[in-house]
């Protein structure tokens, strides 16, 4: 009889579990607004993402760790509620394989895996990702008795800048606006994000400086009349900014490790989000801003380390 212990199929990582817990209220709200198709999408994506990572992990005799479920969860939150299931499967498999496993697995990926998959289907199936947005159901029961809402719109507020008033702000806060699944309920995402900050799962430095970067740049664009009707509050409440701010920009693997580098990293994401939203054909620029920042994160860490060495050297010489 062999004494060799078998590896568990799944290795639980406590920080990842906290991220999923923080996202759960917003997912439940999305089911309320967009119907039970959201829950089925969640199940389909989780099964597909898990199997994709399991196949690769098995080759190295390693267990799947719970980070894959965070990738799955985030991927669900950044796709439209009406996206065909097979497209979601293609996206999450691409996320796991080309966003993480090709780099060597968990802790070695350069880019946020969920955003890699989303970017792939965003450019591959553009009409489904940019022109088929479900309108949240009205009434006390919302979509709790429906598979999916009946009404579809071709645009979100960020792409039109229309109908922005106090009623819109309230709806955006609770999640009653067209958009990706994760744009449901800014208030619940904010609560989840603050929970991650309290538990020190998310970087406070990145969150603060990303917000400052976007706020200042969008304010400058508004002052010069370049931002159209998209004011500062709309920029914050729409387009998945809060989701990206707390749950993806702060990804500990793809973000810088040095504290000084996190400042530049956050500013870069915030500024680029506003720039992309204002001047490109992609109004929801948070995704591309984070992926671009991921690309430069290692260089930011190197620069921060070199700066520390020089400062230490100067202090030693002065002493």
C-alpha atoms as a PDB file:
ATOM      1  CA  UNK A   1       0.000   0.000   0.000  1.00  0.00           C
ATOM      2  CA  UNK A   2       1.497   3.344  -1.057  1.00  0.00           C
ATOM      3  CA  UNK A   3       2.026   6.093   1.548  1.00  0.00           C
ATOM      4  CA  UNK A   4       2.101   8.738  -1.153  1.00  0.00           C
ATOM      5  CA  UNK A   5      -0.618  11.316  -0.560  1.00  0.00           C
ATOM      6  CA  UNK A   6      -2.782  12.367  -3.433  1.00  0.00           C
ATOM      7  CA  UNK A   7      -3.015  16.067  -4.163  1.00  0.00           C
ATOM      8  CA  UNK A   8      -6.472  17.571  -3.581  1.00  0.00           C
ATOM      9  CA  UNK A   9      -8.446  18.415  -6.701  1.00  0.00           C
ATOM     10  CA  UNK A  10      -8.866  22.018  -5.511  1.00  0.00           C
ATOM     11  CA  UNK A  11      -6.582  23.998  -3.212  1.00  0.00           C
ATOM     12  CA  UNK A  12      -8.417  26.720  -1.326  1.00  0.00           C
ATOM     13  CA  UNK A  13      -6.773  30.133  -1.039  1.00  0.00           C
ATOM     14  CA  UNK A  14      -8.396  32.274   1.706  1.00  0.00           C
ATOM     15  CA  UNK A  15      -7.873  35.656  -0.069  1.00  0.00           C
ATOM     16  CA  UNK A  16      -9.570  34.308  -3.200  1.00  0.00           C
ATOM     17  CA  UNK A  17     -12.532  33.152  -1.140  1.00  0.00           C
ATOM     18  CA  UNK A  18     -12.916  36.683   0.235  1.00  0.00           C
ATOM     19  CA  UNK A  19     -12.985  38.121  -3.282  1.00  0.00           C
ATOM     20  CA  UNK A  20     -15.790  35.749  -4.267  1.00  0.00           C
ATOM     21  CA  UNK A  21     -17.698  36.618  -1.105  1.00  0.00           C
ATOM     22  CA  UNK A  22     -17.368  40.328  -1.887  1.00  0.00           C
ATOM     23  CA  UNK A  23     -18.727  39.801  -5.427  1.00  0.00           C
ATOM     24  CA  UNK A  24     -21.703  37.630  -4.445  1.00  0.00           C
ATOM     25  CA  UNK A  25     -24.181  40.404  -3.471  1.00  0.00           C
ATOM     26  CA  UNK A  26     -23.679  42.127  -6.852  1.00  0.00           C
ATOM     27  CA  UNK A  27     -24.224  38.825  -8.670  1.00  0.00           C
ATOM     28  CA  UNK A  28     -27.468  38.249  -6.770  1.00  0.00           C
ATOM     29  CA  UNK A  29     -28.589  41.775  -7.691  1.00  0.00           C
ATOM     30  CA  UNK A  30     -27.807  41.034 -11.333  1.00  0.00           C
ATOM     31  CA  UNK A  31     -30.038  37.958 -11.224  1.00  0.00           C
ATOM     32  CA  UNK A  32     -32.793  40.182  -9.853  1.00  0.00           C
ATOM     33  CA  UNK A  33     -32.410  42.723 -12.668  1.00  0.00           C
ATOM     34  CA  UNK A  34     -31.553  40.463 -15.626  1.00  0.00           C
ATOM     35  CA  UNK A  35     -33.101  37.089 -14.828  1.00  0.00           C
ATOM     36  CA  UNK A  36     -31.988  33.550 -14.066  1.00  0.00           C
ATOM     37  CA  UNK A  37     -29.964  33.372 -17.257  1.00  0.00           C
ATOM     38  CA  UNK A  38     -27.264  35.183 -15.281  1.00  0.00           C
ATOM     39  CA  UNK A  39     -27.095  32.319 -12.788  1.00  0.00           C
ATOM     40  CA  UNK A  40     -26.965  29.717 -15.567  1.00  0.00           C
ATOM     41  CA  UNK A  41     -24.169  31.734 -17.209  1.00  0.00           C
ATOM     42  CA  UNK A  42     -22.339  31.736 -13.876  1.00  0.00           C
ATOM     43  CA  UNK A  43     -22.584  27.935 -13.635  1.00  0.00           C
ATOM     44  CA  UNK A  44     -21.563  27.356 -17.265  1.00  0.00           C
ATOM     45  CA  UNK A  45     -18.536  29.652 -16.994  1.00  0.00           C
ATOM     46  CA  UNK A  46     -17.393  28.106 -13.706  1.00  0.00           C
ATOM     47  CA  UNK A  47     -17.575  24.563 -15.042  1.00  0.00           C
ATOM     48  CA  UNK A  48     -15.764  25.511 -18.269  1.00  0.00           C
ATOM     49  CA  UNK A  49     -13.052  27.528 -16.518  1.00  0.00           C
ATOM     50  CA  UNK A  50     -12.449  24.828 -13.927  1.00  0.00           C
ATOM     51  CA  UNK A  51     -12.141  22.072 -16.556  1.00  0.00           C
ATOM     52  CA  UNK A  52      -9.749  24.171 -18.655  1.00  0.00           C
ATOM     53  CA  UNK A  53      -7.414  24.695 -15.697  1.00  0.00           C
ATOM     54  CA  UNK A  54      -7.836  21.124 -14.415  1.00  0.00           C
ATOM     55  CA  UNK A  55      -6.655  19.655 -17.719  1.00  0.00           C
ATOM     56  CA  UNK A  56      -3.487  21.747 -17.622  1.00  0.00           C
ATOM     57  CA  UNK A  57      -2.850  21.339 -13.890  1.00  0.00           C
ATOM     58  CA  UNK A  58      -3.193  17.567 -14.145  1.00  0.00           C
ATOM     59  CA  UNK A  59      -0.230  17.423 -16.521  1.00  0.00           C
ATOM     60  CA  UNK A  60       1.957  18.886 -13.748  1.00  0.00           C
ATOM     61  CA  UNK A  61       0.357  16.813 -10.993  1.00  0.00           C
ATOM     62  CA  UNK A  62      -0.818  20.013  -9.334  1.00  0.00           C
ATOM     63  CA  UNK A  63      -4.261  20.772  -7.880  1.00  0.00           C
ATOM     64  CA  UNK A  64      -6.476  23.512  -9.227  1.00  0.00           C
ATOM     65  CA  UNK A  65      -6.458  26.406  -6.766  1.00  0.00           C
ATOM     66  CA  UNK A  66      -9.468  28.538  -5.987  1.00  0.00           C
ATOM     67  CA  UNK A  67      -8.078  31.484  -7.961  1.00  0.00           C
ATOM     68  CA  UNK A  68      -9.667  29.980 -11.071  1.00  0.00           C
ATOM     69  CA  UNK A  69     -13.098  30.546  -9.545  1.00  0.00           C
ATOM     70  CA  UNK A  70     -12.223  34.207  -9.009  1.00  0.00           C
ATOM     71  CA  UNK A  71     -11.253  34.403 -12.695  1.00  0.00           C
ATOM     72  CA  UNK A  72     -14.549  32.732 -13.600  1.00  0.00           C
ATOM     73  CA  UNK A  73     -16.528  35.038 -11.316  1.00  0.00           C
ATOM     74  CA  UNK A  74     -14.906  38.196 -12.665  1.00  0.00           C
ATOM     75  CA  UNK A  75     -15.336  37.044 -16.251  1.00  0.00           C
ATOM     76  CA  UNK A  76     -19.065  36.570 -15.713  1.00  0.00           C
ATOM     77  CA  UNK A  77     -19.307  40.058 -14.246  1.00  0.00           C
ATOM     78  CA  UNK A  78     -17.761  41.727 -17.319  1.00  0.00           C
ATOM     79  CA  UNK A  79     -19.910  40.176 -20.060  1.00  0.00           C
ATOM     80  CA  UNK A  80     -23.421  41.110 -21.236  1.00  0.00           C
ATOM     81  CA  UNK A  81     -26.297  39.136 -19.681  1.00  0.00           C
ATOM     82  CA  UNK A  82     -27.486  38.037 -23.138  1.00  0.00           C
ATOM     83  CA  UNK A  83     -24.151  36.781 -24.474  1.00  0.00           C
ATOM     84  CA  UNK A  84     -24.562  33.313 -26.086  1.00  0.00           C
ATOM     85  CA  UNK A  85     -23.308  30.567 -23.798  1.00  0.00           C
ATOM     86  CA  UNK A  86     -20.846  29.193 -26.335  1.00  0.00           C
ATOM     87  CA  UNK A  87     -19.179  32.598 -26.652  1.00  0.00           C
ATOM     88  CA  UNK A  88     -18.844  32.771 -22.876  1.00  0.00           C
ATOM     89  CA  UNK A  89     -17.238  29.318 -22.893  1.00  0.00           C
ATOM     90  CA  UNK A  90     -14.772  30.403 -25.585  1.00  0.00           C
ATOM     91  CA  UNK A  91     -13.951  33.496 -23.558  1.00  0.00           C
ATOM     92  CA  UNK A  92     -13.352  31.801 -20.213  1.00  0.00           C
ATOM     93  CA  UNK A  93     -11.300  28.978 -21.750  1.00  0.00           C
ATOM     94  CA  UNK A  94      -9.170  31.622 -23.482  1.00  0.00           C
ATOM     95  CA  UNK A  95      -8.875  33.442 -20.134  1.00  0.00           C
ATOM     96  CA  UNK A  96      -7.566  30.397 -18.301  1.00  0.00           C
ATOM     97  CA  UNK A  97      -5.275  29.018 -21.008  1.00  0.00           C
ATOM     98  CA  UNK A  98      -3.823  32.155 -22.583  1.00  0.00           C
ATOM     99  CA  UNK A  99      -4.283  34.482 -19.617  1.00  0.00           C
ATOM    100  CA  UNK A 100      -2.718  32.219 -17.009  1.00  0.00           C
ATOM    101  CA  UNK A 101      -1.655  28.669 -17.854  1.00  0.00           C
ATOM    102  CA  UNK A 102       0.698  29.560 -20.725  1.00  0.00           C
ATOM    103  CA  UNK A 103       2.666  31.672 -18.241  1.00  0.00           C
ATOM    104  CA  UNK A 104       3.043  28.746 -15.849  1.00  0.00           C
ATOM    105  CA  UNK A 105      -0.151  28.929 -13.816  1.00  0.00           C
ATOM    106  CA  UNK A 106      -1.246  30.888 -10.771  1.00  0.00           C
ATOM    107  CA  UNK A 107       1.130  33.603  -9.614  1.00  0.00           C
ATOM    108  CA  UNK A 108       3.057  33.761 -12.902  1.00  0.00           C
ATOM    109  CA  UNK A 109       0.618  35.456 -15.254  1.00  0.00           C
ATOM    110  CA  UNK A 110       1.405  38.951 -16.492  1.00  0.00           C
ATOM    111  CA  UNK A 111      -2.139  40.015 -17.337  1.00  0.00           C
ATOM    112  CA  UNK A 112      -5.405  39.746 -15.459  1.00  0.00           C
ATOM    113  CA  UNK A 113      -6.807  36.471 -16.887  1.00  0.00           C
ATOM    114  CA  UNK A 114     -10.480  37.496 -16.842  1.00  0.00           C
ATOM    115  CA  UNK A 115      -9.696  40.652 -18.817  1.00  0.00           C
ATOM    116  CA  UNK A 116      -7.614  38.703 -21.342  1.00  0.00           C
ATOM    117  CA  UNK A 117     -10.636  36.548 -22.143  1.00  0.00           C
ATOM    118  CA  UNK A 118     -12.966  39.505 -22.237  1.00  0.00           C
ATOM    119  CA  UNK A 119     -10.674  41.438 -24.586  1.00  0.00           C
ATOM    120  CA  UNK A 120     -10.519  38.407 -26.900  1.00  0.00           C
ATOM    121  CA  UNK A 121     -14.283  38.022 -27.294  1.00  0.00           C
ATOM    122  CA  UNK A 122     -14.700  41.810 -27.289  1.00  0.00           C
ATOM    123  CA  UNK A 123     -12.779  42.116 -30.554  1.00  0.00           C
ATOM    124  CA  UNK A 124     -13.859  38.738 -31.962  1.00  0.00           C
ATOM    125  CA  UNK A 125     -17.593  39.028 -31.332  1.00  0.00           C
ATOM    126  CA  UNK A 126     -17.869  42.816 -31.251  1.00  0.00           C
ATOM    127  CA  UNK A 127     -21.573  43.082 -32.110  1.00  0.00           C
ATOM    128  CA  UNK A 128     -22.553  40.792 -29.230  1.00  0.00           C
ATOM    129  CA  UNK A 129     -20.250  42.567 -26.783  1.00  0.00           C
ATOM    130  CA  UNK A 130     -21.180  46.134 -27.686  1.00  0.00           C
ATOM    131  CA  UNK A 131     -24.662  46.138 -29.219  1.00  0.00           C
ATOM    132  CA  UNK A 132     -26.858  43.695 -27.294  1.00  0.00           C
ATOM    133  CA  UNK A 133     -27.518  45.075 -23.831  1.00  0.00           C
ATOM    134  CA  UNK A 134     -30.440  43.870 -21.741  1.00  0.00           C
ATOM    135  CA  UNK A 135     -32.659  46.439 -20.089  1.00  0.00           C
ATOM    136  CA  UNK A 136     -33.241  45.558 -16.423  1.00  0.00           C
ATOM    137  CA  UNK A 137     -36.783  44.435 -15.660  1.00  0.00           C
ATOM    138  CA  UNK A 138     -39.064  46.838 -13.827  1.00  0.00           C
ATOM    139  CA  UNK A 139     -41.368  46.147 -10.914  1.00  0.00           C
ATOM    140  CA  UNK A 140     -41.074  44.726  -7.424  1.00  0.00           C
ATOM    141  CA  UNK A 141     -40.127  41.217  -8.571  1.00  0.00           C
ATOM    142  CA  UNK A 142     -37.646  42.442 -11.180  1.00  0.00           C
ATOM    143  CA  UNK A 143     -36.605  39.449 -13.297  1.00  0.00           C
ATOM    144  CA  UNK A 144     -36.901  36.869 -10.534  1.00  0.00           C
ATOM    145  CA  UNK A 145     -39.697  35.148 -12.443  1.00  0.00           C
ATOM    146  CA  UNK A 146     -37.991  35.428 -15.818  1.00  0.00           C
ATOM    147  CA  UNK A 147     -35.226  33.679 -17.695  1.00  0.00           C
ATOM    148  CA  UNK A 148     -34.045  36.945 -19.250  1.00  0.00           C
ATOM    149  CA  UNK A 149     -35.490  40.462 -19.711  1.00  0.00           C
ATOM    150  CA  UNK A 150     -37.566  41.060 -22.834  1.00  0.00           C
ATOM    151  CA  UNK A 151     -36.173  44.463 -23.777  1.00  0.00           C
ATOM    152  CA  UNK A 152     -32.815  44.942 -25.515  1.00  0.00           C
ATOM    153  CA  UNK A 153     -30.967  48.185 -26.219  1.00  0.00           C
ATOM    154  CA  UNK A 154     -28.029  48.799 -28.528  1.00  0.00           C
ATOM    155  CA  UNK A 155     -26.127  51.225 -26.316  1.00  0.00           C
ATOM    156  CA  UNK A 156     -25.173  52.111 -22.772  1.00  0.00           C
ATOM    157  CA  UNK A 157     -25.062  55.590 -21.301  1.00  0.00           C
ATOM    158  CA  UNK A 158     -21.292  55.843 -21.832  1.00  0.00           C
ATOM    159  CA  UNK A 159     -21.694  55.415 -25.581  1.00  0.00           C
ATOM    160  CA  UNK A 160     -24.539  57.934 -25.940  1.00  0.00           C
ATOM    161  CA  UNK A 161     -24.292  60.336 -23.011  1.00  0.00           C
ATOM    162  CA  UNK A 162     -28.094  60.598 -23.070  1.00  0.00           C
ATOM    163  CA  UNK A 163     -30.723  60.674 -20.331  1.00  0.00           C
ATOM    164  CA  UNK A 164     -28.310  61.567 -17.545  1.00  0.00           C
ATOM    165  CA  UNK A 165     -30.268  63.044 -14.667  1.00  0.00           C
ATOM    166  CA  UNK A 166     -30.877  62.425 -10.967  1.00  0.00           C
ATOM    167  CA  UNK A 167     -33.052  59.428 -11.784  1.00  0.00           C
ATOM    168  CA  UNK A 168     -30.184  57.926 -13.773  1.00  0.00           C
ATOM    169  CA  UNK A 169     -27.772  58.382 -10.868  1.00  0.00           C
ATOM    170  CA  UNK A 170     -30.135  56.545  -8.549  1.00  0.00           C
ATOM    171  CA  UNK A 171     -30.645  53.712 -11.037  1.00  0.00           C
ATOM    172  CA  UNK A 172     -26.886  53.422 -11.624  1.00  0.00           C
ATOM    173  CA  UNK A 173     -26.293  53.276  -7.901  1.00  0.00           C
ATOM    174  CA  UNK A 174     -28.682  50.369  -7.402  1.00  0.00           C
ATOM    175  CA  UNK A 175     -27.920  48.736 -10.766  1.00  0.00           C
ATOM    176  CA  UNK A 176     -31.070  49.400 -12.782  1.00  0.00           C
ATOM    177  CA  UNK A 177     -29.246  50.318 -16.027  1.00  0.00           C
ATOM    178  CA  UNK A 178     -28.203  48.409 -19.185  1.00  0.00           C
ATOM    179  CA  UNK A 179     -24.661  47.098 -19.141  1.00  0.00           C
ATOM    180  CA  UNK A 180     -22.482  44.155 -18.250  1.00  0.00           C
ATOM    181  CA  UNK A 181     -23.528  41.824 -15.462  1.00  0.00           C
ATOM    182  CA  UNK A 182     -20.970  43.433 -13.143  1.00  0.00           C
ATOM    183  CA  UNK A 183     -22.347  46.928 -13.676  1.00  0.00           C
ATOM    184  CA  UNK A 184     -25.313  45.887 -11.576  1.00  0.00           C
ATOM    185  CA  UNK A 185     -25.511  47.804  -8.310  1.00  0.00           C
ATOM    186  CA  UNK A 186     -22.605  50.181  -7.862  1.00  0.00           C
ATOM    187  CA  UNK A 187     -23.450  50.393  -4.182  1.00  0.00           C
ATOM    188  CA  UNK A 188     -23.074  46.629  -3.654  1.00  0.00           C
ATOM    189  CA  UNK A 189     -19.793  46.591  -5.570  1.00  0.00           C
ATOM    190  CA  UNK A 190     -18.585  49.501  -3.456  1.00  0.00           C
ATOM    191  CA  UNK A 191     -19.501  47.655  -0.258  1.00  0.00           C
ATOM    192  CA  UNK A 192     -17.711  44.546  -1.534  1.00  0.00           C
ATOM    193  CA  UNK A 193     -14.674  46.623  -2.467  1.00  0.00           C
ATOM    194  CA  UNK A 194     -14.509  48.283   0.939  1.00  0.00           C
ATOM    195  CA  UNK A 195     -14.709  44.831   2.503  1.00  0.00           C
ATOM    196  CA  UNK A 196     -11.632  43.786   0.500  1.00  0.00           C
ATOM    197  CA  UNK A 197      -9.790  46.896   1.659  1.00  0.00           C
ATOM    198  CA  UNK A 198     -10.682  46.181   5.261  1.00  0.00           C
ATOM    199  CA  UNK A 199      -9.442  42.592   4.930  1.00  0.00           C
ATOM    200  CA  UNK A 200      -6.295  43.907   3.160  1.00  0.00           C
ATOM    201  CA  UNK A 201      -6.997  41.742   0.122  1.00  0.00           C
ATOM    202  CA  UNK A 202      -7.071  44.775  -2.196  1.00  0.00           C
ATOM    203  CA  UNK A 203      -4.385  47.457  -2.314  1.00  0.00           C
ATOM    204  CA  UNK A 204      -5.561  50.746  -0.859  1.00  0.00           C
ATOM    205  CA  UNK A 205      -2.783  52.565  -2.731  1.00  0.00           C
ATOM    206  CA  UNK A 206      -3.933  51.320  -6.130  1.00  0.00           C
ATOM    207  CA  UNK A 207      -7.585  52.075  -5.396  1.00  0.00           C
ATOM    208  CA  UNK A 208      -6.902  55.642  -4.231  1.00  0.00           C
ATOM    209  CA  UNK A 209      -4.550  56.602  -7.045  1.00  0.00           C
ATOM    210  CA  UNK A 210      -6.638  54.963  -9.774  1.00  0.00           C
ATOM    211  CA  UNK A 211      -9.620  56.972  -8.592  1.00  0.00           C
ATOM    212  CA  UNK A 212      -7.564  60.185  -8.442  1.00  0.00           C
ATOM    213  CA  UNK A 213      -6.126  59.577 -11.907  1.00  0.00           C
ATOM    214  CA  UNK A 214      -9.537  59.089 -13.511  1.00  0.00           C
ATOM    215  CA  UNK A 215     -11.188  61.888 -11.532  1.00  0.00           C
ATOM    216  CA  UNK A 216      -8.543  64.480 -12.414  1.00  0.00           C
ATOM    217  CA  UNK A 217      -8.255  63.509 -16.094  1.00  0.00           C
ATOM    218  CA  UNK A 218     -12.018  63.354 -16.619  1.00  0.00           C
ATOM    219  CA  UNK A 219     -12.328  66.686 -14.853  1.00  0.00           C
ATOM    220  CA  UNK A 220      -9.778  68.215 -17.222  1.00  0.00           C
ATOM    221  CA  UNK A 221     -11.607  66.825 -20.249  1.00  0.00           C
ATOM    222  CA  UNK A 222     -14.878  68.248 -18.935  1.00  0.00           C
ATOM    223  CA  UNK A 223     -13.331  71.666 -18.374  1.00  0.00           C
ATOM    224  CA  UNK A 224     -12.195  71.721 -22.019  1.00  0.00           C
ATOM    225  CA  UNK A 225     -15.508  70.388 -23.314  1.00  0.00           C
ATOM    226  CA  UNK A 226     -14.020  67.104 -24.525  1.00  0.00           C
ATOM    227  CA  UNK A 227     -15.987  64.617 -22.436  1.00  0.00           C
ATOM    228  CA  UNK A 228     -19.411  65.233 -23.965  1.00  0.00           C
ATOM    229  CA  UNK A 229     -22.209  64.694 -21.454  1.00  0.00           C
ATOM    230  CA  UNK A 230     -20.269  62.157 -19.368  1.00  0.00           C
ATOM    231  CA  UNK A 231     -19.785  63.944 -16.062  1.00  0.00           C
ATOM    232  CA  UNK A 232     -17.628  62.766 -13.172  1.00  0.00           C
ATOM    233  CA  UNK A 233     -20.389  60.969 -11.281  1.00  0.00           C
ATOM    234  CA  UNK A 234     -21.520  59.119 -14.398  1.00  0.00           C
ATOM    235  CA  UNK A 235     -17.914  58.087 -15.091  1.00  0.00           C
ATOM    236  CA  UNK A 236     -17.690  56.564 -11.633  1.00  0.00           C
ATOM    237  CA  UNK A 237     -21.070  54.814 -11.546  1.00  0.00           C
ATOM    238  CA  UNK A 238     -21.077  53.511 -15.150  1.00  0.00           C
ATOM    239  CA  UNK A 239     -18.943  51.290 -17.328  1.00  0.00           C
ATOM    240  CA  UNK A 240     -17.780  48.922 -14.637  1.00  0.00           C
ATOM    241  CA  UNK A 241     -15.370  51.456 -13.138  1.00  0.00           C
ATOM    242  CA  UNK A 242     -16.037  50.404  -9.538  1.00  0.00           C
ATOM    243  CA  UNK A 243     -15.737  46.720 -10.443  1.00  0.00           C
ATOM    244  CA  UNK A 244     -12.404  47.324 -12.159  1.00  0.00           C
ATOM    245  CA  UNK A 245     -11.215  49.674  -9.420  1.00  0.00           C
ATOM    246  CA  UNK A 246     -11.572  47.262  -6.510  1.00  0.00           C
ATOM    247  CA  UNK A 247     -11.547  43.808  -8.073  1.00  0.00           C
ATOM    248  CA  UNK A 248      -9.249  43.869 -11.134  1.00  0.00           C
ATOM    249  CA  UNK A 249      -6.825  46.777 -10.892  1.00  0.00           C
ATOM    250  CA  UNK A 250      -5.833  45.444  -7.463  1.00  0.00           C
ATOM    251  CA  UNK A 251      -5.125  41.890  -8.666  1.00  0.00           C
ATOM    252  CA  UNK A 252      -1.999  41.062  -6.590  1.00  0.00           C
ATOM    253  CA  UNK A 253      -0.439  38.916  -9.312  1.00  0.00           C
ATOM    254  CA  UNK A 254      -0.603  41.283 -12.288  1.00  0.00           C
ATOM    255  CA  UNK A 255      -0.163  44.524 -10.312  1.00  0.00           C
ATOM    256  CA  UNK A 256       3.206  45.901  -9.110  1.00  0.00           C
ATOM    257  CA  UNK A 257       4.583  44.727  -5.772  1.00  0.00           C
ATOM    258  CA  UNK A 258       6.472  47.890  -4.787  1.00  0.00           C
ATOM    259  CA  UNK A 259       4.394  50.501  -2.965  1.00  0.00           C
ATOM    260  CA  UNK A 260       5.797  53.432  -4.970  1.00  0.00           C
ATOM    261  CA  UNK A 261       5.132  51.572  -8.208  1.00  0.00           C
ATOM    262  CA  UNK A 262       1.501  51.067  -7.183  1.00  0.00           C
ATOM    263  CA  UNK A 263       1.043  54.852  -7.160  1.00  0.00           C
ATOM    264  CA  UNK A 264       2.138  55.202 -10.797  1.00  0.00           C
ATOM    265  CA  UNK A 265       0.218  52.055 -11.704  1.00  0.00           C
ATOM    266  CA  UNK A 266      -3.006  53.468 -10.270  1.00  0.00           C
ATOM    267  CA  UNK A 267      -2.547  56.873 -11.902  1.00  0.00           C
ATOM    268  CA  UNK A 268      -1.850  55.184 -15.239  1.00  0.00           C
ATOM    269  CA  UNK A 269      -5.065  53.132 -15.069  1.00  0.00           C
ATOM    270  CA  UNK A 270      -7.194  56.082 -14.023  1.00  0.00           C
ATOM    271  CA  UNK A 271      -5.814  58.429 -16.680  1.00  0.00           C
ATOM    272  CA  UNK A 272      -5.960  55.851 -19.476  1.00  0.00           C
ATOM    273  CA  UNK A 273      -9.524  54.886 -18.574  1.00  0.00           C
ATOM    274  CA  UNK A 274     -10.628  58.461 -19.117  1.00  0.00           C
ATOM    275  CA  UNK A 275      -8.531  58.852 -22.290  1.00  0.00           C
ATOM    276  CA  UNK A 276      -9.861  55.662 -23.882  1.00  0.00           C
ATOM    277  CA  UNK A 277     -13.456  56.464 -22.958  1.00  0.00           C
ATOM    278  CA  UNK A 278     -13.159  59.959 -24.420  1.00  0.00           C
ATOM    279  CA  UNK A 279     -11.215  59.425 -27.646  1.00  0.00           C
ATOM    280  CA  UNK A 280     -11.714  55.800 -28.726  1.00  0.00           C
ATOM    281  CA  UNK A 281     -14.650  53.854 -30.132  1.00  0.00           C
ATOM    282  CA  UNK A 282     -14.609  51.741 -26.944  1.00  0.00           C
ATOM    283  CA  UNK A 283     -16.460  53.763 -24.295  1.00  0.00           C
ATOM    284  CA  UNK A 284     -15.829  51.270 -21.500  1.00  0.00           C
ATOM    285  CA  UNK A 285     -12.073  51.844 -21.314  1.00  0.00           C
ATOM    286  CA  UNK A 286     -11.337  50.340 -17.892  1.00  0.00           C
ATOM    287  CA  UNK A 287     -10.562  46.916 -19.377  1.00  0.00           C
ATOM    288  CA  UNK A 288      -7.944  48.165 -21.827  1.00  0.00           C
ATOM    289  CA  UNK A 289      -6.468  50.557 -19.270  1.00  0.00           C
ATOM    290  CA  UNK A 290      -5.840  47.720 -16.800  1.00  0.00           C
ATOM    291  CA  UNK A 291      -4.362  45.434 -19.466  1.00  0.00           C
ATOM    292  CA  UNK A 292      -2.002  48.200 -20.593  1.00  0.00           C
ATOM    293  CA  UNK A 293      -1.003  48.833 -16.980  1.00  0.00           C
ATOM    294  CA  UNK A 294      -0.386  45.081 -16.503  1.00  0.00           C
ATOM    295  CA  UNK A 295       2.073  45.276 -19.384  1.00  0.00           C
ATOM    296  CA  UNK A 296       4.137  47.953 -17.658  1.00  0.00           C
ATOM    297  CA  UNK A 297       3.784  46.690 -14.069  1.00  0.00           C
ATOM    298  CA  UNK A 298       7.131  44.789 -14.051  1.00  0.00           C
ATOM    299  CA  UNK A 299       8.954  47.879 -15.356  1.00  0.00           C
ATOM    300  CA  UNK A 300       7.287  49.995 -12.688  1.00  0.00           C
ATOM    301  CA  UNK A 301       8.551  47.582 -10.032  1.00  0.00           C
ATOM    302  CA  UNK A 302      12.070  47.720 -11.453  1.00  0.00           C
ATOM    303  CA  UNK A 303      11.973  51.511 -11.525  1.00  0.00           C
ATOM    304  CA  UNK A 304      10.722  51.665  -7.923  1.00  0.00           C
ATOM    305  CA  UNK A 305      13.500  49.335  -6.740  1.00  0.00           C
ATOM    306  CA  UNK A 306      16.161  51.363  -8.539  1.00  0.00           C
ATOM    307  CA  UNK A 307      14.808  54.583  -7.048  1.00  0.00           C
ATOM    308  CA  UNK A 308      14.999  53.051  -3.551  1.00  0.00           C
ATOM    309  CA  UNK A 309      18.601  51.967  -4.146  1.00  0.00           C
ATOM    310  CA  UNK A 310      19.600  55.442  -5.270  1.00  0.00           C
ATOM    311  CA  UNK A 311      17.882  57.052  -2.306  1.00  0.00           C
ATOM    312  CA  UNK A 312      19.600  54.645   0.070  1.00  0.00           C
ATOM    313  CA  UNK A 313      22.938  55.319  -1.608  1.00  0.00           C
ATOM    314  CA  UNK A 314      22.476  59.071  -1.256  1.00  0.00           C
ATOM    315  CA  UNK A 315      21.626  58.717   2.411  1.00  0.00           C
ATOM    316  CA  UNK A 316      24.721  56.589   3.035  1.00  0.00           C
ATOM    317  CA  UNK A 317      26.934  59.146   1.275  1.00  0.00           C
ATOM    318  CA  UNK A 318      25.358  61.988   3.210  1.00  0.00           C
ATOM    319  CA  UNK A 319      25.996  60.164   6.479  1.00  0.00           C
END
